[in-house]
């Protein structure tokens, strides 16, 4: 758990509560597509609405994992939220909560923001935006 920083501690608790909720109460198929899409959209909107929010990125990435598990990753609103996530990727640089890479493109958000993640591994709906913002 992050130490000392109140905002980091709050985020840590938010992510843990979210994970606990998903593990204990969400039966596969219980939340409909709209619920997952809206949860992700709101998590990412919080990043773009508040440029100073350094800690919401981890929460948004956690919800993105759930969106994938729910099978709604190709939804139009999810794709728009993915583009908003790319716009907020710089927040990942130096974030102590971004500690390891994973199999999904969003797990590598810090490398994307640094222009180091292979562009060909990014989905088409975010590739050009990432190229414009982070790859020189």
N, C-alpha and C. Protein backbone atom coordinates (compact mmCIF):
# COMPACT_ATOMS: atom_id res chain seq x y z
N UNK A 1 0.84 -1.18 0.00
CA UNK A 1 0.00 0.00 0.00
C UNK A 1 0.88 1.23 0.00
N UNK A 2 0.52 2.24 -0.81
CA UNK A 2 1.29 3.47 -0.82
C UNK A 2 1.31 4.07 0.57
N UNK A 3 2.43 4.64 0.96
CA UNK A 3 2.53 5.19 2.30
C UNK A 3 2.58 6.69 2.31
N UNK A 4 1.96 7.28 3.30
CA UNK A 4 2.12 8.70 3.53
C UNK A 4 1.20 9.61 2.75
N UNK A 5 0.96 9.38 1.52
CA UNK A 5 0.18 10.28 0.68
C UNK A 5 -1.30 9.93 0.82
N UNK A 6 -2.09 10.86 1.35
CA UNK A 6 -3.52 10.61 1.56
C UNK A 6 -4.26 10.25 0.30
N UNK A 7 -3.96 10.96 -0.81
CA UNK A 7 -4.65 10.69 -2.07
C UNK A 7 -4.30 9.30 -2.59
N UNK A 8 -3.04 8.91 -2.46
CA UNK A 8 -2.64 7.58 -2.91
C UNK A 8 -3.32 6.50 -2.07
N UNK A 9 -3.44 6.75 -0.79
CA UNK A 9 -4.09 5.79 0.10
C UNK A 9 -5.57 5.67 -0.26
N UNK A 10 -6.21 6.78 -0.55
CA UNK A 10 -7.62 6.75 -0.96
C UNK A 10 -7.79 5.96 -2.24
N UNK A 11 -6.90 6.19 -3.21
CA UNK A 11 -6.98 5.43 -4.46
C UNK A 11 -6.80 3.95 -4.19
N UNK A 12 -5.80 3.61 -3.38
CA UNK A 12 -5.55 2.21 -3.07
C UNK A 12 -6.81 1.57 -2.50
N UNK A 13 -7.46 2.25 -1.60
CA UNK A 13 -8.69 1.74 -0.99
C UNK A 13 -9.79 1.61 -2.05
N UNK A 14 -9.91 2.62 -2.94
CA UNK A 14 -10.93 2.56 -4.00
C UNK A 14 -10.72 1.35 -4.89
N UNK A 15 -9.47 1.09 -5.30
CA UNK A 15 -9.18 -0.05 -6.17
C UNK A 15 -9.48 -1.35 -5.43
N UNK A 16 -9.08 -1.44 -4.16
CA UNK A 16 -9.35 -2.65 -3.38
C UNK A 16 -10.84 -2.90 -3.21
N UNK A 17 -11.60 -1.86 -2.91
CA UNK A 17 -13.04 -2.00 -2.75
C UNK A 17 -13.67 -2.42 -4.08
N UNK A 18 -13.22 -1.82 -5.17
CA UNK A 18 -13.74 -2.18 -6.49
C UNK A 18 -13.47 -3.66 -6.77
N UNK A 19 -12.24 -4.10 -6.53
CA UNK A 19 -11.88 -5.50 -6.76
C UNK A 19 -12.72 -6.43 -5.88
N UNK A 20 -12.89 -6.05 -4.62
CA UNK A 20 -13.67 -6.86 -3.70
C UNK A 20 -15.12 -6.95 -4.16
N UNK A 21 -15.69 -5.83 -4.59
CA UNK A 21 -17.05 -5.81 -5.11
C UNK A 21 -17.18 -6.77 -6.29
N UNK A 22 -16.25 -6.67 -7.22
CA UNK A 22 -16.31 -7.52 -8.41
C UNK A 22 -16.17 -8.99 -8.01
N UNK A 23 -15.23 -9.29 -7.11
CA UNK A 23 -14.99 -10.69 -6.72
C UNK A 23 -16.15 -11.30 -5.95
N UNK A 24 -16.77 -10.53 -5.07
CA UNK A 24 -17.77 -11.10 -4.18
C UNK A 24 -19.21 -10.97 -4.65
N UNK A 25 -19.54 -9.88 -5.31
CA UNK A 25 -20.94 -9.62 -5.58
C UNK A 25 -21.35 -9.65 -7.05
N UNK A 26 -20.40 -9.53 -7.92
CA UNK A 26 -20.78 -9.49 -9.33
C UNK A 26 -20.72 -10.89 -9.92
N UNK A 27 -21.87 -11.44 -10.15
CA UNK A 27 -21.98 -12.73 -10.81
C UNK A 27 -21.86 -12.47 -12.31
N UNK A 28 -21.07 -13.28 -13.03
CA UNK A 28 -20.96 -13.06 -14.47
C UNK A 28 -22.34 -12.90 -15.11
N UNK A 29 -22.52 -11.86 -15.86
CA UNK A 29 -23.77 -11.59 -16.52
C UNK A 29 -24.73 -10.76 -15.68
N UNK A 30 -24.42 -10.57 -14.39
CA UNK A 30 -25.33 -9.80 -13.52
C UNK A 30 -25.34 -8.33 -13.89
N UNK A 31 -24.16 -7.75 -14.11
CA UNK A 31 -24.12 -6.37 -14.58
C UNK A 31 -24.26 -6.41 -16.09
N UNK A 32 -25.11 -5.55 -16.61
CA UNK A 32 -25.28 -5.56 -18.05
C UNK A 32 -24.20 -4.71 -18.73
N UNK A 33 -24.18 -4.76 -20.02
CA UNK A 33 -23.17 -4.06 -20.80
C UNK A 33 -23.16 -2.57 -20.46
N UNK A 34 -24.30 -1.97 -20.33
CA UNK A 34 -24.39 -0.54 -20.05
C UNK A 34 -23.71 -0.20 -18.72
N UNK A 35 -23.87 -1.05 -17.71
CA UNK A 35 -23.24 -0.81 -16.41
C UNK A 35 -21.72 -0.76 -16.53
N UNK A 36 -21.13 -1.75 -17.21
CA UNK A 36 -19.68 -1.80 -17.35
C UNK A 36 -19.16 -0.63 -18.17
N UNK A 37 -19.84 -0.34 -19.25
CA UNK A 37 -19.42 0.77 -20.11
C UNK A 37 -19.47 2.08 -19.33
N UNK A 38 -20.54 2.29 -18.60
CA UNK A 38 -20.69 3.53 -17.85
C UNK A 38 -19.66 3.63 -16.72
N UNK A 39 -19.37 2.54 -16.06
CA UNK A 39 -18.36 2.53 -14.99
C UNK A 39 -16.99 2.95 -15.54
N UNK A 40 -16.62 2.40 -16.68
CA UNK A 40 -15.34 2.74 -17.30
C UNK A 40 -15.35 4.18 -17.79
N UNK A 41 -16.42 4.57 -18.45
CA UNK A 41 -16.51 5.93 -18.97
C UNK A 41 -16.35 6.96 -17.84
N UNK A 42 -17.01 6.72 -16.71
CA UNK A 42 -16.91 7.65 -15.58
C UNK A 42 -15.50 7.66 -14.99
N UNK A 43 -14.87 6.50 -14.90
CA UNK A 43 -13.51 6.43 -14.35
C UNK A 43 -12.54 7.22 -15.21
N UNK A 44 -12.67 7.10 -16.53
CA UNK A 44 -11.77 7.82 -17.43
C UNK A 44 -12.14 9.30 -17.49
N UNK A 45 -13.43 9.60 -17.44
CA UNK A 45 -13.85 11.01 -17.46
C UNK A 45 -13.27 11.76 -16.27
N UNK A 46 -13.14 11.10 -15.15
CA UNK A 46 -12.53 11.72 -13.99
C UNK A 46 -11.09 12.14 -14.26
N UNK A 47 -10.41 11.42 -15.11
CA UNK A 47 -9.03 11.76 -15.46
C UNK A 47 -8.98 13.00 -16.33
N UNK A 48 -9.87 13.08 -17.31
CA UNK A 48 -9.84 14.20 -18.24
C UNK A 48 -10.49 15.45 -17.65
N UNK A 49 -11.43 15.26 -16.72
CA UNK A 49 -12.07 16.42 -16.09
C UNK A 49 -11.16 17.11 -15.09
N UNK A 50 -10.27 16.36 -14.46
CA UNK A 50 -9.38 16.90 -13.44
C UNK A 50 -7.93 16.58 -13.81
N UNK A 51 -7.26 17.49 -14.50
CA UNK A 51 -5.89 17.23 -14.93
C UNK A 51 -4.93 17.00 -13.77
N UNK A 52 -5.27 17.44 -12.57
CA UNK A 52 -4.40 17.27 -11.42
C UNK A 52 -4.58 15.91 -10.73
N UNK A 53 -5.59 15.15 -11.13
CA UNK A 53 -5.84 13.86 -10.50
C UNK A 53 -4.82 12.84 -10.98
N UNK A 54 -3.77 12.64 -10.19
CA UNK A 54 -2.71 11.71 -10.56
C UNK A 54 -3.08 10.27 -10.22
N UNK A 55 -4.00 10.09 -9.31
CA UNK A 55 -4.21 8.77 -8.73
C UNK A 55 -5.38 8.00 -9.32
N UNK A 56 -6.25 8.64 -10.06
CA UNK A 56 -7.39 7.96 -10.64
C UNK A 56 -7.04 7.04 -11.78
N UNK A 57 -5.83 7.19 -12.32
CA UNK A 57 -5.42 6.37 -13.46
C UNK A 57 -5.44 4.88 -13.11
N UNK A 58 -4.91 4.52 -11.96
CA UNK A 58 -4.89 3.11 -11.56
C UNK A 58 -6.31 2.56 -11.45
N UNK A 59 -7.22 3.36 -10.93
CA UNK A 59 -8.60 2.93 -10.82
C UNK A 59 -9.21 2.72 -12.21
N UNK A 60 -8.97 3.65 -13.12
CA UNK A 60 -9.50 3.53 -14.48
C UNK A 60 -8.96 2.26 -15.16
N UNK A 61 -7.68 1.96 -14.96
CA UNK A 61 -7.09 0.77 -15.56
C UNK A 61 -7.70 -0.50 -14.96
N UNK A 62 -7.99 -0.46 -13.68
CA UNK A 62 -8.63 -1.59 -13.02
C UNK A 62 -10.02 -1.84 -13.61
N UNK A 63 -10.77 -0.76 -13.82
CA UNK A 63 -12.11 -0.90 -14.41
C UNK A 63 -12.00 -1.37 -15.86
N UNK A 64 -10.96 -0.94 -16.57
CA UNK A 64 -10.78 -1.38 -17.97
C UNK A 64 -10.60 -2.89 -18.03
N UNK A 65 -9.89 -3.46 -17.04
CA UNK A 65 -9.77 -4.92 -16.98
C UNK A 65 -11.15 -5.57 -16.87
N UNK A 66 -11.99 -4.99 -16.04
CA UNK A 66 -13.34 -5.54 -15.86
C UNK A 66 -14.18 -5.41 -17.13
N UNK A 67 -14.00 -4.33 -17.85
CA UNK A 67 -14.71 -4.13 -19.13
C UNK A 67 -14.33 -5.25 -20.09
N UNK A 68 -13.05 -5.58 -20.13
CA UNK A 68 -12.61 -6.67 -21.01
C UNK A 68 -13.25 -7.99 -20.58
N UNK A 69 -13.19 -8.28 -19.27
CA UNK A 69 -13.78 -9.53 -18.77
C UNK A 69 -15.28 -9.60 -19.06
N UNK A 70 -15.94 -8.45 -19.06
CA UNK A 70 -17.38 -8.42 -19.34
C UNK A 70 -17.68 -8.56 -20.82
N UNK A 71 -16.63 -8.49 -21.66
CA UNK A 71 -16.82 -8.69 -23.10
C UNK A 71 -17.40 -7.50 -23.84
N UNK A 72 -17.21 -6.29 -23.29
CA UNK A 72 -17.77 -5.11 -23.95
C UNK A 72 -16.69 -4.14 -24.45
N UNK A 73 -15.48 -4.64 -24.65
CA UNK A 73 -14.36 -3.80 -25.06
C UNK A 73 -14.50 -3.16 -26.42
N UNK A 74 -15.36 -3.68 -27.27
CA UNK A 74 -15.51 -3.11 -28.62
C UNK A 74 -16.66 -2.12 -28.72
N UNK A 75 -17.32 -1.86 -27.61
CA UNK A 75 -18.41 -0.90 -27.56
C UNK A 75 -17.90 0.49 -27.98
N UNK A 76 -18.72 1.24 -28.69
CA UNK A 76 -18.34 2.57 -29.18
C UNK A 76 -17.93 3.51 -28.04
N UNK A 77 -18.68 3.50 -26.95
CA UNK A 77 -18.36 4.37 -25.81
C UNK A 77 -17.07 3.93 -25.12
N UNK A 78 -16.81 2.63 -25.09
CA UNK A 78 -15.56 2.14 -24.52
C UNK A 78 -14.39 2.60 -25.38
N UNK A 79 -14.54 2.53 -26.68
CA UNK A 79 -13.47 2.97 -27.58
C UNK A 79 -13.19 4.47 -27.40
N UNK A 80 -14.24 5.26 -27.20
CA UNK A 80 -14.05 6.69 -26.94
C UNK A 80 -13.33 6.89 -25.61
N UNK A 81 -13.73 6.14 -24.60
CA UNK A 81 -13.06 6.23 -23.30
C UNK A 81 -11.60 5.78 -23.41
N UNK A 82 -11.33 4.78 -24.26
CA UNK A 82 -9.94 4.36 -24.50
C UNK A 82 -9.12 5.53 -25.06
N UNK A 83 -9.71 6.27 -25.98
CA UNK A 83 -9.00 7.43 -26.55
C UNK A 83 -8.75 8.49 -25.47
N UNK A 84 -9.73 8.68 -24.60
CA UNK A 84 -9.53 9.62 -23.48
C UNK A 84 -8.45 9.11 -22.53
N UNK A 85 -8.40 7.80 -22.35
CA UNK A 85 -7.35 7.21 -21.52
C UNK A 85 -5.98 7.50 -22.13
N UNK A 86 -5.86 7.36 -23.43
CA UNK A 86 -4.59 7.66 -24.11
C UNK A 86 -4.23 9.12 -23.89
N UNK A 87 -5.21 10.01 -23.96
CA UNK A 87 -4.92 11.44 -23.74
C UNK A 87 -4.39 11.70 -22.33
N UNK A 88 -4.74 10.86 -21.38
CA UNK A 88 -4.31 11.02 -19.99
C UNK A 88 -3.08 10.19 -19.64
N UNK A 89 -2.49 9.53 -20.62
CA UNK A 89 -1.41 8.58 -20.35
C UNK A 89 -0.19 9.20 -19.67
N UNK A 90 0.07 10.47 -19.90
CA UNK A 90 1.24 11.11 -19.28
C UNK A 90 1.21 11.01 -17.76
N UNK A 91 0.02 10.88 -17.20
CA UNK A 91 -0.10 10.75 -15.74
C UNK A 91 0.58 9.49 -15.23
N UNK A 92 0.80 8.52 -16.10
CA UNK A 92 1.43 7.26 -15.69
C UNK A 92 2.93 7.41 -15.46
N UNK A 93 3.54 8.40 -16.09
CA UNK A 93 4.99 8.55 -15.99
C UNK A 93 5.37 8.89 -14.55
N UNK A 94 6.16 8.02 -13.98
CA UNK A 94 6.63 8.21 -12.62
C UNK A 94 5.62 7.87 -11.54
N UNK A 95 4.44 7.39 -11.92
CA UNK A 95 3.41 7.03 -10.95
C UNK A 95 3.85 5.76 -10.23
N UNK A 96 4.01 5.81 -8.90
CA UNK A 96 4.47 4.62 -8.18
C UNK A 96 3.49 3.45 -8.24
N UNK A 97 2.25 3.72 -8.63
CA UNK A 97 1.28 2.63 -8.75
C UNK A 97 1.37 1.90 -10.08
N UNK A 98 2.13 2.44 -11.02
CA UNK A 98 2.35 1.79 -12.31
C UNK A 98 3.63 0.97 -12.20
N UNK A 99 3.54 -0.22 -11.59
CA UNK A 99 4.75 -0.93 -11.25
C UNK A 99 5.09 -2.10 -12.17
N UNK A 100 4.16 -2.56 -12.97
CA UNK A 100 4.52 -3.65 -13.85
C UNK A 100 3.69 -3.60 -15.13
N UNK A 101 4.27 -4.16 -16.16
CA UNK A 101 3.58 -4.24 -17.43
C UNK A 101 2.74 -5.51 -17.44
N UNK A 102 1.75 -5.53 -18.29
CA UNK A 102 0.88 -6.69 -18.38
C UNK A 102 0.59 -7.03 -19.82
N UNK A 103 -0.29 -7.99 -20.03
CA UNK A 103 -0.56 -8.46 -21.39
C UNK A 103 -1.42 -7.53 -22.24
N UNK A 104 -2.18 -6.65 -21.61
CA UNK A 104 -3.07 -5.76 -22.36
C UNK A 104 -2.38 -4.44 -22.64
N UNK A 105 -2.79 -3.77 -23.70
CA UNK A 105 -2.14 -2.51 -24.05
C UNK A 105 -2.25 -1.49 -22.92
N UNK A 106 -3.40 -1.43 -22.23
CA UNK A 106 -3.58 -0.44 -21.18
C UNK A 106 -2.71 -0.74 -19.96
N UNK A 107 -2.26 -2.00 -19.83
CA UNK A 107 -1.33 -2.33 -18.75
C UNK A 107 0.04 -1.68 -18.97
N UNK A 108 0.28 -1.22 -20.16
CA UNK A 108 1.56 -0.65 -20.55
C UNK A 108 1.45 0.85 -20.81
N UNK A 109 0.54 1.49 -20.09
CA UNK A 109 0.22 2.90 -20.35
C UNK A 109 1.42 3.82 -20.16
N UNK A 110 2.29 3.51 -19.20
CA UNK A 110 3.47 4.34 -19.01
C UNK A 110 4.41 4.24 -20.21
N UNK A 111 4.61 3.04 -20.74
CA UNK A 111 5.44 2.88 -21.93
C UNK A 111 4.82 3.59 -23.13
N UNK A 112 3.49 3.59 -23.22
CA UNK A 112 2.82 4.32 -24.29
C UNK A 112 3.12 5.81 -24.16
N UNK A 113 2.99 6.33 -22.95
CA UNK A 113 3.24 7.76 -22.72
C UNK A 113 4.69 8.13 -22.99
N UNK A 114 5.60 7.20 -22.84
CA UNK A 114 7.02 7.44 -23.12
C UNK A 114 7.36 7.19 -24.60
N UNK A 115 6.37 6.70 -25.37
CA UNK A 115 6.60 6.41 -26.78
C UNK A 115 7.43 5.16 -26.99
N UNK A 116 7.40 4.23 -26.03
CA UNK A 116 8.24 3.02 -26.10
C UNK A 116 7.45 1.75 -26.39
N UNK A 117 6.15 1.77 -26.21
CA UNK A 117 5.34 0.58 -26.46
C UNK A 117 5.17 0.43 -27.97
N UNK A 118 5.33 -0.78 -28.50
CA UNK A 118 5.21 -0.96 -29.95
C UNK A 118 3.84 -0.51 -30.47
N UNK A 119 3.85 0.44 -31.38
CA UNK A 119 2.59 0.97 -31.92
C UNK A 119 1.72 -0.12 -32.55
N UNK A 120 2.35 -1.10 -33.17
CA UNK A 120 1.57 -2.14 -33.84
C UNK A 120 0.79 -3.00 -32.85
N UNK A 121 1.13 -2.94 -31.56
CA UNK A 121 0.37 -3.69 -30.55
C UNK A 121 -0.84 -2.91 -30.04
N UNK A 122 -0.91 -1.63 -30.36
CA UNK A 122 -2.07 -0.83 -29.94
C UNK A 122 -3.24 -1.09 -30.88
N UNK A 123 -4.44 -1.12 -30.34
CA UNK A 123 -5.60 -1.29 -31.23
C UNK A 123 -5.74 -0.07 -32.13
N UNK A 124 -6.32 -0.31 -33.26
CA UNK A 124 -6.44 0.73 -34.29
C UNK A 124 -7.12 2.00 -33.78
N UNK A 125 -8.11 1.85 -32.90
CA UNK A 125 -8.88 3.02 -32.47
C UNK A 125 -8.09 3.98 -31.58
N UNK A 126 -6.92 3.58 -31.08
CA UNK A 126 -6.09 4.48 -30.28
C UNK A 126 -4.70 4.70 -30.88
N UNK A 127 -4.34 3.93 -31.87
CA UNK A 127 -2.98 3.95 -32.41
C UNK A 127 -2.56 5.31 -32.95
N UNK A 128 -3.36 5.91 -33.80
CA UNK A 128 -2.98 7.18 -34.41
C UNK A 128 -2.89 8.29 -33.37
N UNK A 129 -3.82 8.31 -32.43
CA UNK A 129 -3.78 9.31 -31.37
C UNK A 129 -2.51 9.17 -30.53
N UNK A 130 -2.17 7.93 -30.17
CA UNK A 130 -0.95 7.71 -29.40
C UNK A 130 0.28 8.14 -30.19
N UNK A 131 0.29 7.85 -31.49
CA UNK A 131 1.41 8.28 -32.34
C UNK A 131 1.54 9.80 -32.32
N UNK A 132 0.44 10.50 -32.46
CA UNK A 132 0.47 11.96 -32.48
C UNK A 132 0.93 12.55 -31.15
N UNK A 133 0.51 11.94 -30.05
CA UNK A 133 0.78 12.52 -28.74
C UNK A 133 2.14 12.13 -28.16
N UNK A 134 2.60 10.89 -28.43
CA UNK A 134 3.75 10.39 -27.67
C UNK A 134 4.91 9.86 -28.50
N UNK A 135 4.73 9.62 -29.76
CA UNK A 135 5.79 9.02 -30.57
C UNK A 135 6.35 10.06 -31.52
N UNK A 136 7.61 10.32 -31.37
CA UNK A 136 8.24 11.35 -32.20
C UNK A 136 9.34 10.76 -33.05
